[in-house]
Amino acid sequence: MDPISVARYGLMAASASLEASAQRTAQAGGDGSVDLASEAVTQIEAKHQFSANLGVIKVADEMWRDLLSLQDVRGKR
């Protein structure tokens, strides 16, 4: 499996986690049925997971661009 596919799956998982936590937080009625501290931690974790996976995609993109650039330079010789 290539890194971009893994990172894309990670982005989707982080997004789903954030959305579920946001829905639980929005439905909290102030009666203590939802642990807001736990939801805040879940949302922060999802944010970091999203950022990390996005970083993987950016690095992979840079690597492909550099590889194609090198290939183009060799082709012009």
Protein backbone atom coordinates (compact mmCIF):
# COMPACT_ATOMS: atom_id res chain seq x y z
CA MET A 1 0.00 0.00 0.00
CA ASP A 2 1.38 3.37 -0.92
CA PRO A 3 1.81 6.18 1.65
CA ILE A 4 -0.72 8.46 -0.02
CA SER A 5 -3.47 5.83 0.25
CA VAL A 6 -2.66 5.27 3.91
CA ALA A 7 -2.63 9.02 4.56
CA ARG A 8 -5.92 9.46 2.71
CA TYR A 9 -7.49 6.78 4.91
CA GLY A 10 -6.05 8.55 7.96
CA LEU A 11 -7.57 11.85 6.81
CA MET A 12 -10.98 10.22 6.45
CA ALA A 13 -10.71 8.54 9.86
CA ALA A 14 -9.67 11.80 11.56
CA SER A 15 -12.50 13.65 9.84
CA ALA A 16 -15.05 11.04 10.94
CA SER A 17 -13.75 11.15 14.51
CA LEU A 18 -13.95 14.93 14.61
CA GLU A 19 -17.45 14.96 13.14
CA ALA A 20 -18.74 12.37 15.62
CA SER A 21 -17.23 14.26 18.55
CA ALA A 22 -18.65 17.56 17.30
CA GLN A 23 -22.12 16.01 17.06
CA ARG A 24 -21.89 14.61 20.59
CA THR A 25 -20.74 18.01 21.86
CA ALA A 26 -23.54 19.84 20.02
CA GLN A 27 -26.14 17.49 21.49
CA ALA A 28 -24.88 17.96 25.05
CA GLY A 29 -27.74 19.34 27.07
CA GLY A 30 -25.70 20.54 30.01
CA ASP A 31 -26.92 17.63 32.11
CA GLY A 32 -23.49 16.01 32.29
CA SER A 33 -24.37 13.21 29.89
CA VAL A 34 -21.43 14.18 27.67
CA ASP A 35 -17.91 14.51 29.05
CA LEU A 36 -16.88 17.77 27.40
CA ALA A 37 -13.24 17.42 28.50
CA SER A 38 -13.02 14.04 26.82
CA GLU A 39 -14.64 15.42 23.68
CA ALA A 40 -12.14 18.30 23.62
CA VAL A 41 -9.27 15.79 23.81
CA THR A 42 -10.84 13.73 21.01
CA GLN A 43 -11.14 16.83 18.82
CA ILE A 44 -7.54 17.87 19.48
CA GLU A 45 -6.33 14.34 18.68
CA ALA A 46 -8.32 14.35 15.44
CA LYS A 47 -6.80 17.71 14.50
CA HIS A 48 -3.27 16.37 15.02
CA GLN A 49 -4.05 13.15 13.13
CA PHE A 50 -5.40 15.19 10.24
CA SER A 51 -2.33 17.45 10.21
CA ALA A 52 0.07 14.50 10.35
CA ASN A 53 -1.62 12.71 7.47
CA LEU A 54 -1.73 15.90 5.44
CA GLY A 55 2.01 16.27 6.06
CA VAL A 56 2.60 12.79 4.64
CA ILE A 57 0.69 13.73 1.49
CA LYS A 58 2.65 16.97 1.11
CA VAL A 59 6.01 15.19 1.46
CA ALA A 60 4.97 12.48 -1.00
CA ASP A 61 3.89 15.17 -3.47
CA GLU A 62 7.23 16.98 -3.09
CA MET A 63 9.10 13.72 -3.63
CA TRP A 64 7.15 12.99 -6.83
CA ARG A 65 7.75 16.50 -8.14
CA ASP A 66 11.49 16.21 -7.44
CA LEU A 67 11.64 12.80 -9.08
CA LEU A 68 9.85 14.07 -12.17
CA SER A 69 12.12 17.10 -12.25
CA LEU A 70 15.20 14.87 -12.14
CA GLN A 71 13.78 12.68 -14.85
CA ASP A 72 13.09 15.75 -17.01
CA VAL A 73 16.67 16.99 -16.54
CA ARG A 74 18.10 13.61 -17.54
CA GLY A 75 15.82 13.50 -20.59
CA LYS A 76 17.18 16.81 -21.87
CA ARG A 77 20.82 15.65 -21.85
